Amino acid sequence: MALVYIDDLLEGMVLAEDLLTPSGRFVLAAGASIKADQLKLLKSWGVVEAHIEDAGLNQEGEQQASAGEEHASRVESFLSERFALNDLEQEPIATLFRHVTRRLSIKCQKGLDLKALPVSGGTDDVSDVPAPLTVNQLLKGAVELVSLPTVYSHIVELLSRSNTSSHHLARVIDKDANLSVRLLRLANSSFYGFSGKVDSVSRAISLLGNNELTHLVLGISVIRQFRNIPSEQIDMESFWRHSIRCGLFARILAEQLGEKDSEKYFTGGLLHDIGRLVMLDRMPLQYACAVNLARHDKLPMYRAEQDCLKTDHSIIGKLLAEKWRLSPTLIRMIGHHHSPRLAHFAKEACLVHIADVFAHACSEEILLIKEVPELYLQAWVETGLSPEMIAPAIQKVDNEFRQIVAIFFDEAGSGDKL
């Protein structure tokens, strides 16, 4: 019996087990021979893989399986080091590892060189490093870092008034051409899937709703405000690529659970590491020591930050979010994505924690350290997610990622900048 992914299924292959959709819906019975017209239908239903009888593998299927196994062996060795902080025998890590291995193996078959994967950020040995700044010192000065984006503040102020209409909000947003363009591109993207062309900010606001609007404006404005922080310790494009991937995972996993207002999960994931940018900007040499310690001792970055800097980026991010008077939900996502236990395993903190792990695991770029953060099993259990939800989530993130990156960053809209 062989486990064959949907893209490798061929006409005539025979099922070794009943085939179900990720939601548990019965599709085909064990012993059925797959027909050509069923392959597209299986994809549309979200089927990711199927157990196939060895006798049902024709020569082409056997060749595909052999080539895949050759690449998978190298990829497994590479990923085993990346997943060193996690138990590969424990669910959901076992399923995540399997799907990430398959995903990366396909990329290797298409020419990806594992040895050439970029490591974002890094530093040489440093000496004469000043003492780390205190939390209060980090959040004072540098007004452009600790001030809430002006457009977002204005929108929140308008929404506090009972007589504010979408036209009032549109007038504020229309004054910011860059923001207007990005909102319209988002409204017309597969991210939302609205029917018909959305050709005005006012129309976009009516369709999105006030909560969605405020979260999107916050995300776009913060990225723009923090985007070009000069830093020798981290590549900013890689930082925001990870953040977008985390936001997409948080939103998609929340949707799978039937959560309302899933846009807040995207924004929470997008901003989860915002405290790190403050630390990188305000004490770059001290942060370099934390990176060195994390790499040398194979520690999670937040642990190395705590050891070297007496605080970590989630704490700084939480305090910044409180200073900005963001919602308690966003504060929990930002402040507890490494410590969901301290948020009493609130679902929003757990989902961003899981999304962060998934985003690191699915990235071809390595951000600061190669190890994927540890996933806390209790956080997984508290959400009610199941391993069967992992593959569809990865597929959907991959489908949406480049489009969202282009909308948030690429002025020309080509998508090639990040």
Protein backbone atom coordinates (compact mmCIF):
# COMPACT_ATOMS: atom_id res chain seq x y z
CA MET A 1 0.00 0.00 0.00
CA ALA A 2 1.32 3.45 -0.92
CA LEU A 3 0.22 6.92 0.20
CA VAL A 4 -0.20 8.98 -2.98
CA TYR A 5 -0.87 12.73 -3.04
CA ILE A 6 -3.67 14.13 -5.16
CA ASP A 7 -1.30 15.60 -7.79
CA ASP A 8 0.23 12.15 -8.34
CA LEU A 9 -3.01 10.17 -8.60
CA LEU A 10 -3.49 8.54 -11.98
CA GLU A 11 -6.41 6.91 -13.75
CA GLY A 12 -6.65 3.22 -12.88
CA MET A 13 -5.06 3.41 -9.44
CA VAL A 14 -6.97 1.27 -6.93
CA LEU A 15 -7.89 2.53 -3.47
CA ALA A 16 -6.56 0.50 -0.56
CA GLU A 17 -8.78 2.33 1.96
CA ASP A 18 -12.04 4.29 1.85
CA LEU A 19 -11.44 7.79 0.53
CA LEU A 20 -12.82 10.67 2.61
CA THR A 21 -12.73 14.45 2.30
CA PRO A 22 -10.94 16.44 5.07
CA SER A 23 -14.37 17.03 6.65
CA GLY A 24 -15.00 13.28 6.81
CA ARG A 25 -17.39 13.02 3.88
CA PHE A 26 -17.28 9.61 2.17
CA VAL A 27 -16.12 9.77 -1.47
CA LEU A 28 -15.04 6.35 -2.74
CA ALA A 29 -14.84 2.88 -1.24
CA ALA A 30 -11.72 0.75 -0.83
CA GLY A 31 -11.15 -1.33 -3.96
CA ALA A 32 -12.50 1.33 -6.34
CA SER A 33 -10.48 2.13 -9.42
CA ILE A 34 -10.00 5.87 -9.90
CA LYS A 35 -11.43 7.24 -13.13
CA ALA A 36 -10.06 10.19 -15.10
CA ASP A 37 -13.14 12.35 -14.61
CA GLN A 38 -12.91 11.88 -10.83
CA LEU A 39 -9.47 13.45 -10.40
CA LYS A 40 -10.57 17.09 -10.74
CA LEU A 41 -13.60 16.39 -8.60
CA LEU A 42 -11.43 15.01 -5.81
CA LYS A 43 -9.35 18.20 -5.84
CA SER A 44 -12.44 20.39 -5.69
CA TRP A 45 -13.57 18.47 -2.61
CA GLY A 46 -10.26 19.14 -0.88
CA VAL A 47 -8.93 15.56 -1.03
CA VAL A 48 -5.17 15.71 -0.46
CA GLU A 49 -3.98 12.11 -0.53
CA ALA A 50 -5.18 8.52 -0.95
CA HIS A 51 -3.96 5.08 0.05
CA ILE A 52 -3.38 3.09 -3.15
CA GLU A 53 -2.91 -0.66 -3.55
CA ASP A 54 0.61 -1.54 -4.67
CA ALA A 55 -0.90 -3.54 -7.51
CA GLY A 56 -2.75 -0.41 -8.61
CA LEU A 57 0.48 1.53 -9.20
CA ASN A 58 1.26 1.43 -12.89
CA GLN A 59 4.80 1.97 -14.20
CA GLU A 60 4.40 5.76 -14.29
CA GLY A 61 3.09 5.77 -10.75
CA GLU A 62 5.97 3.62 -9.56
CA GLN A 63 8.47 5.93 -11.23
CA GLN A 64 6.87 8.96 -9.60
CA ALA A 65 6.91 7.26 -6.21
CA SER A 66 10.57 6.27 -6.63
CA ALA A 67 11.63 9.79 -7.62
CA GLY A 68 9.61 11.26 -4.78
CA GLU A 69 11.19 8.90 -2.25
CA GLU A 70 14.69 9.87 -3.38
CA HIS A 71 14.03 13.57 -2.80
CA ALA A 72 12.01 12.90 0.35
CA SER A 73 14.96 11.16 2.00
CA ARG A 74 17.16 14.26 1.65
CA VAL A 75 14.33 16.56 2.65
CA GLU A 76 13.51 14.50 5.75
CA SER A 77 17.13 14.77 6.90
CA PHE A 78 17.07 18.54 6.36
CA LEU A 79 13.71 19.03 8.07
CA SER A 80 14.56 16.77 11.02
CA GLU A 81 17.13 19.38 12.05
CA ARG A 82 14.61 22.17 11.58
CA PHE A 83 12.03 20.35 13.72
CA ALA A 84 14.54 19.56 16.49
CA LEU A 85 12.46 21.39 19.13
CA ASN A 86 9.40 19.22 18.37
CA ASP A 87 8.52 15.55 18.79
CA LEU A 88 8.12 14.08 15.30
CA GLU A 89 6.12 11.15 16.67
CA GLN A 90 3.50 13.38 18.30
CA GLU A 91 0.43 14.71 16.51
CA PRO A 92 -0.08 17.20 15.00
CA ILE A 93 3.67 17.57 14.37
CA ALA A 94 3.84 14.13 12.73
CA THR A 95 1.23 15.13 10.14
CA LEU A 96 2.70 18.61 9.67
CA PHE A 97 6.16 17.12 9.12
CA ARG A 98 4.80 14.65 6.56
CA HIS A 99 3.04 17.31 4.52
CA VAL A 100 5.92 19.78 4.71
CA THR A 101 8.29 17.01 3.61
CA ARG A 102 6.07 16.25 0.63
CA ARG A 103 5.74 19.94 -0.23
CA LEU A 104 9.50 20.56 -0.10
CA SER A 105 10.27 17.34 -1.99
CA ILE A 106 8.13 18.56 -4.89
CA LYS A 107 10.05 21.83 -4.93
CA CYS A 108 13.34 19.89 -4.93
CA GLN A 109 12.13 17.83 -7.90
CA LYS A 110 11.55 21.14 -9.68
CA GLY A 111 15.11 22.30 -8.98
CA LEU A 112 15.16 23.77 -5.46
CA ASP A 113 18.59 23.34 -3.83
CA LEU A 114 18.30 22.80 -0.08
CA LYS A 115 21.87 23.98 0.44
CA ALA A 116 21.01 27.30 -1.20
CA LEU A 117 18.01 28.13 1.01
CA PRO A 118 18.53 31.64 2.36
CA VAL A 119 19.02 32.29 6.06
CA SER A 120 17.44 35.67 6.79
CA GLY A 121 19.35 37.70 9.31
CA GLY A 122 22.57 36.97 11.06
CA THR A 123 25.47 38.63 12.75
CA ASP A 124 29.17 38.36 13.39
CA ASP A 125 30.58 38.01 16.85
CA VAL A 126 30.15 41.24 18.75
CA SER A 127 32.08 42.77 21.61
CA ASP A 128 31.70 45.76 23.91
CA VAL A 129 27.96 45.37 23.88
CA PRO A 130 26.03 47.87 26.02
CA ALA A 131 23.66 46.66 28.68
CA PRO A 132 20.19 45.91 27.29
CA LEU A 133 17.61 48.66 27.46
CA THR A 134 14.79 48.29 29.95
CA VAL A 135 11.24 47.78 28.72
CA ASN A 136 10.41 51.40 29.53
CA GLN A 137 13.43 52.63 27.60
CA LEU A 138 12.47 50.51 24.60
CA LEU A 139 9.04 52.08 24.41
CA LYS A 140 10.19 55.68 24.84
CA GLY A 141 11.55 57.90 22.10
CA ALA A 142 11.55 56.79 18.46
CA VAL A 143 8.09 58.29 18.06
CA GLU A 144 7.57 56.77 14.62
CA LEU A 145 7.84 53.31 16.18
CA VAL A 146 5.59 53.69 19.17
CA SER A 147 2.91 55.96 17.74
CA LEU A 148 -0.28 54.46 16.36
CA PRO A 149 -0.61 54.97 12.58
CA THR A 150 -2.51 58.22 11.96
CA VAL A 151 -5.04 56.87 9.45
CA TYR A 152 -5.96 54.02 11.76
CA SER A 153 -6.41 56.42 14.69
CA HIS A 154 -8.69 58.64 12.60
CA ILE A 155 -10.83 55.68 11.52
CA VAL A 156 -11.18 54.41 15.08
CA GLU A 157 -12.22 57.90 16.14
CA LEU A 158 -14.86 58.08 13.39
CA LEU A 159 -16.22 54.64 14.26
CA SER A 160 -16.74 55.76 17.84
CA ARG A 161 -19.38 58.18 16.56
CA SER A 162 -22.87 56.83 16.03
CA ASN A 163 -23.54 58.77 12.82
CA THR A 164 -20.44 57.68 10.86
CA SER A 165 -21.22 56.24 7.43
CA SER A 166 -19.14 54.36 4.89
CA HIS A 167 -18.87 57.61 2.91
CA HIS A 168 -17.27 59.36 5.92
CA LEU A 169 -14.74 56.56 6.23
CA ALA A 170 -14.11 56.52 2.49
CA ARG A 171 -13.26 60.23 2.51
CA VAL A 172 -10.55 59.60 5.10
CA ILE A 173 -9.09 56.61 3.25
CA ASP A 174 -9.30 58.30 -0.17
CA LYS A 175 -6.84 60.94 1.08
CA ASP A 176 -4.25 58.14 1.33
CA ALA A 177 -3.85 56.91 -2.25
CA ASN A 178 -1.56 54.03 -1.31
CA LEU A 179 -3.98 52.71 1.31
CA SER A 180 -6.94 53.12 -1.05
CA VAL A 181 -5.27 51.09 -3.79
CA ARG A 182 -4.36 48.27 -1.45
CA LEU A 183 -7.85 48.06 0.06
CA LEU A 184 -9.42 47.89 -3.40
CA ARG A 185 -6.96 45.23 -4.53
CA LEU A 186 -7.72 43.17 -1.43
CA ALA A 187 -11.47 43.55 -1.95
CA ASN A 188 -11.09 42.28 -5.52
CA SER A 189 -8.76 39.41 -4.63
CA SER A 190 -9.49 35.75 -3.93
CA PHE A 191 -8.80 36.63 -0.29
CA TYR A 192 -12.48 37.65 -0.15
CA GLY A 193 -14.01 36.30 -3.33
CA PHE A 194 -16.69 38.97 -3.68
CA SER A 195 -18.79 38.61 -6.81
CA GLY A 196 -18.46 41.53 -9.19
CA LYS A 197 -15.89 44.30 -9.44
CA VAL A 198 -15.38 46.47 -6.35
CA ASP A 199 -14.49 49.84 -7.87
CA SER A 200 -14.76 52.30 -4.97
CA VAL A 201 -13.49 52.53 -1.41
CA SER A 202 -17.01 53.25 -0.22
CA ARG A 203 -18.26 50.04 -1.86
CA ALA A 204 -15.33 48.10 -0.39
CA ILE A 205 -16.15 49.38 3.10
CA SER A 206 -19.82 48.41 2.71
CA LEU A 207 -18.83 44.88 1.71
CA LEU A 208 -16.05 44.45 4.25
CA GLY A 209 -17.79 45.89 7.28
CA ASN A 210 -16.32 48.13 9.95
CA ASN A 211 -14.46 45.44 11.88
CA GLU A 212 -12.81 44.04 8.77
CA LEU A 213 -11.93 47.54 7.61
CA THR A 214 -10.26 48.59 10.84
CA HIS A 215 -8.18 45.42 11.03
CA LEU A 216 -7.03 45.71 7.42
CA VAL A 217 -6.16 49.40 7.77
CA LEU A 218 -4.20 48.60 10.92
CA GLY A 219 -2.26 45.81 9.20
CA ILE A 220 -1.47 47.81 6.05
CA SER A 221 -0.53 50.93 8.01
CA VAL A 222 1.74 49.15 10.48
CA ILE A 223 3.60 47.31 7.71
CA ARG A 224 4.13 50.60 5.91
CA GLN A 225 5.32 52.29 9.10
CA PHE A 226 7.74 49.51 10.08
CA ARG A 227 8.64 48.23 6.66
CA ASN A 228 12.01 49.93 6.12
CA ILE A 229 13.53 49.81 9.58
CA PRO A 230 17.27 49.58 8.89
CA SER A 231 18.68 46.47 10.49
CA GLU A 232 21.77 44.35 9.94
CA GLN A 233 20.19 41.57 11.97
CA ILE A 234 17.18 40.67 9.84
CA ASP A 235 15.96 40.98 6.27
CA MET A 236 12.76 42.98 6.45
CA GLU A 237 11.19 41.41 3.38
CA SER A 238 11.68 37.96 4.90
CA PHE A 239 10.29 39.18 8.20
CA TRP A 240 7.07 40.39 6.59
CA ARG A 241 6.79 37.31 4.36
CA HIS A 242 6.77 35.19 7.51
CA SER A 243 4.27 37.54 9.14
CA ILE A 244 1.89 37.35 6.16
CA ARG A 245 2.15 33.57 6.08
CA CYS A 246 1.40 33.45 9.82
CA GLY A 247 -1.60 35.74 9.34
CA LEU A 248 -2.96 33.57 6.53
CA PHE A 249 -2.58 30.39 8.58
CA ALA A 250 -4.31 32.01 11.58
CA ARG A 251 -7.23 33.19 9.43
CA ILE A 252 -7.65 29.92 7.54
CA LEU A 253 -7.46 27.76 10.66
CA ALA A 254 -10.00 30.04 12.35
CA GLU A 255 -12.31 29.67 9.34
CA GLN A 256 -11.97 25.89 9.50
CA LEU A 257 -13.20 26.09 13.09
CA GLY A 258 -16.15 28.29 12.10
CA GLU A 259 -14.82 31.33 13.95
CA LYS A 260 -16.54 34.63 13.24
CA ASP A 261 -14.59 37.77 12.28
CA SER A 262 -11.69 35.73 10.90
CA GLU A 263 -10.02 38.94 9.67
CA LYS A 264 -8.85 39.67 13.21
CA TYR A 265 -6.84 36.44 13.13
CA PHE A 266 -5.10 37.56 9.95
CA THR A 267 -4.18 40.87 11.56
CA GLY A 268 -3.08 39.19 14.79
CA GLY A 269 -0.82 36.84 12.87
CA LEU A 270 0.46 39.68 10.71
CA LEU A 271 1.49 41.71 13.78
CA HIS A 272 2.54 38.89 16.11
CA ASP A 273 6.27 39.70 15.92
CA ILE A 274 5.97 43.50 15.93
CA GLY A 275 7.86 43.75 19.24
CA ARG A 276 10.93 42.25 17.59
CA LEU A 277 11.20 45.25 15.27
CA VAL A 278 11.28 47.64 18.22
CA MET A 279 14.07 45.58 19.81
CA LEU A 280 16.05 45.39 16.57
CA ASP A 281 15.75 49.12 16.02
CA ARG A 282 16.48 50.27 19.57
CA MET A 283 19.26 47.85 20.61
CA PRO A 284 20.73 46.09 17.56
CA LEU A 285 24.01 45.05 19.18
CA GLN A 286 22.29 43.54 22.19
CA TYR A 287 19.88 41.71 19.90
CA ALA A 288 22.83 40.33 17.94
CA CYS A 289 23.99 38.66 21.14
CA ALA A 290 20.59 37.00 21.51
CA VAL A 291 20.79 35.68 17.94
CA ASN A 292 24.27 34.29 18.60
CA LEU A 293 23.08 32.59 21.80
CA ALA A 294 20.02 31.08 20.09
CA ARG A 295 22.16 29.65 17.29
CA HIS A 296 24.93 28.37 19.56
CA ASP A 297 22.65 26.76 22.16
CA LYS A 298 19.83 25.87 19.71
CA LEU A 299 17.30 27.87 21.70
CA PRO A 300 14.01 29.36 20.52
CA MET A 301 14.58 33.07 19.81
CA TYR A 302 12.21 34.23 22.53
CA ARG A 303 14.16 32.16 25.09
CA ALA A 304 17.46 33.65 23.93
CA GLU A 305 15.90 37.13 24.13
CA GLN A 306 14.84 36.47 27.71
CA ASP A 307 18.32 35.25 28.66
CA CYS A 308 20.21 38.10 26.97
CA LEU A 309 17.76 41.00 27.08
CA LYS A 310 15.63 40.23 30.16
CA THR A 311 12.47 40.46 28.06
CA ASP A 312 11.24 39.09 24.73
CA HIS A 313 9.51 40.34 21.61
CA SER A 314 6.07 39.07 22.63
CA ILE A 315 6.19 41.14 25.84
CA ILE A 316 7.32 44.25 23.96
CA GLY A 317 4.68 43.63 21.29
CA LYS A 318 1.97 43.25 23.92
CA LEU A 319 2.94 46.52 25.62
CA LEU A 320 3.05 48.30 22.27
CA ALA A 321 -0.42 46.95 21.40
CA GLU A 322 -1.71 48.15 24.78
CA LYS A 323 -0.14 51.56 24.16
CA TRP A 324 -1.98 51.64 20.84
CA ARG A 325 -5.20 50.63 22.63
CA LEU A 326 -5.80 47.68 20.35
CA SER A 327 -8.53 45.21 21.18
CA PRO A 328 -7.93 42.66 23.98
CA THR A 329 -8.14 39.92 21.34
CA LEU A 330 -5.27 41.37 19.30
CA ILE A 331 -3.27 42.00 22.47
CA ARG A 332 -3.60 38.33 23.43
CA MET A 333 -2.54 37.20 19.95
CA ILE A 334 0.54 39.42 19.92
CA GLY A 335 1.49 38.99 23.57
CA HIS A 336 0.97 35.25 23.99
CA HIS A 337 1.85 33.59 20.70
CA HIS A 338 4.79 31.93 22.47
CA SER A 339 3.01 31.48 25.79
CA PRO A 340 -0.68 30.61 25.21
CA ARG A 341 -0.76 29.13 28.71
CA LEU A 342 -0.38 32.63 30.20
CA ALA A 343 -3.50 33.65 28.26
CA HIS A 344 -5.34 30.69 29.82
CA PHE A 345 -5.22 29.03 26.40
CA ALA A 346 -7.58 31.59 24.86
CA LYS A 347 -8.44 30.37 21.38
CA GLU A 348 -7.02 33.43 19.65
CA ALA A 349 -3.65 33.06 21.39
CA CYS A 350 -3.58 29.32 20.63
CA LEU A 351 -4.41 29.81 16.95
CA VAL A 352 -1.68 32.41 16.38
CA HIS A 353 0.77 30.19 18.28
CA ILE A 354 -0.06 27.29 15.96
CA ALA A 355 -0.04 29.54 12.89
CA ASP A 356 3.45 30.80 13.81
CA VAL A 357 4.77 27.22 14.01
CA PHE A 358 3.13 26.31 10.69
CA ALA A 359 4.46 29.46 9.01
CA HIS A 360 8.03 28.70 10.07
CA ALA A 361 7.66 25.07 8.97
CA CYS A 362 6.33 25.99 5.52
CA SER A 363 8.81 28.74 4.72
CA GLU A 364 11.72 28.19 2.35
CA GLU A 365 13.47 31.03 4.13
CA ILE A 366 15.00 30.58 7.56
CA LEU A 367 14.35 33.53 9.84
CA LEU A 368 17.24 34.15 12.28
CA ILE A 369 17.46 30.52 13.47
CA LYS A 370 16.74 27.31 11.58
CA GLU A 371 14.68 25.61 14.30
CA VAL A 372 10.90 25.63 13.97
CA PRO A 373 9.39 26.84 17.29
CA GLU A 374 8.01 24.24 19.65
CA LEU A 375 4.29 23.61 19.30
CA TYR A 376 2.54 23.25 22.65
CA LEU A 377 0.20 20.28 22.50
CA GLN A 378 -2.28 21.79 24.95
CA ALA A 379 -2.74 24.79 22.63
CA TRP A 380 -3.58 22.42 19.78
CA VAL A 381 -6.04 20.45 21.92
CA GLU A 382 -7.78 23.59 23.17
CA THR A 383 -8.57 24.80 19.64
CA GLY A 384 -10.30 21.61 18.55
CA LEU A 385 -8.26 21.43 15.34
CA SER A 386 -7.56 18.01 13.84
CA PRO A 387 -4.55 16.76 11.83
CA GLU A 388 -6.84 16.35 8.79
CA MET A 389 -7.16 20.14 8.65
CA ILE A 390 -3.42 20.69 8.13
CA ALA A 391 -3.01 19.78 4.46
CA PRO A 392 -5.98 21.87 3.23
CA ALA A 393 -4.69 24.82 5.28
CA ILE A 394 -1.21 24.54 3.74
CA GLN A 395 -2.70 24.36 0.25
CA LYS A 396 -4.88 27.41 0.79
CA VAL A 397 -2.02 29.46 2.26
CA ASP A 398 0.15 28.55 -0.72
CA ASN A 399 -2.64 29.56 -3.10
CA GLU A 400 -3.15 32.98 -1.46
CA PHE A 401 0.35 33.86 -0.30
CA ARG A 402 1.91 35.48 -3.37
CA GLN A 403 -1.21 37.50 -4.14
CA ILE A 404 -1.36 38.91 -0.62
CA VAL A 405 2.37 39.66 -0.61
CA ALA A 406 1.96 41.58 -3.87
CA ILE A 407 -0.99 43.57 -2.51
CA PHE A 408 0.77 44.57 0.69
CA PHE A 409 4.20 45.34 -0.74
CA ASP A 410 4.60 45.54 -4.48
CA GLU A 411 3.90 49.04 -5.76
CA ALA A 412 3.61 47.84 -9.36
CA GLY A 413 1.46 44.85 -8.52
CA SER A 414 3.71 42.32 -10.22
CA GLY A 415 4.31 40.27 -7.12
CA ASP A 416 8.03 39.92 -7.86
CA LYS A 417 9.34 42.25 -5.23
CA LEU A 418 8.96 39.88 -2.30
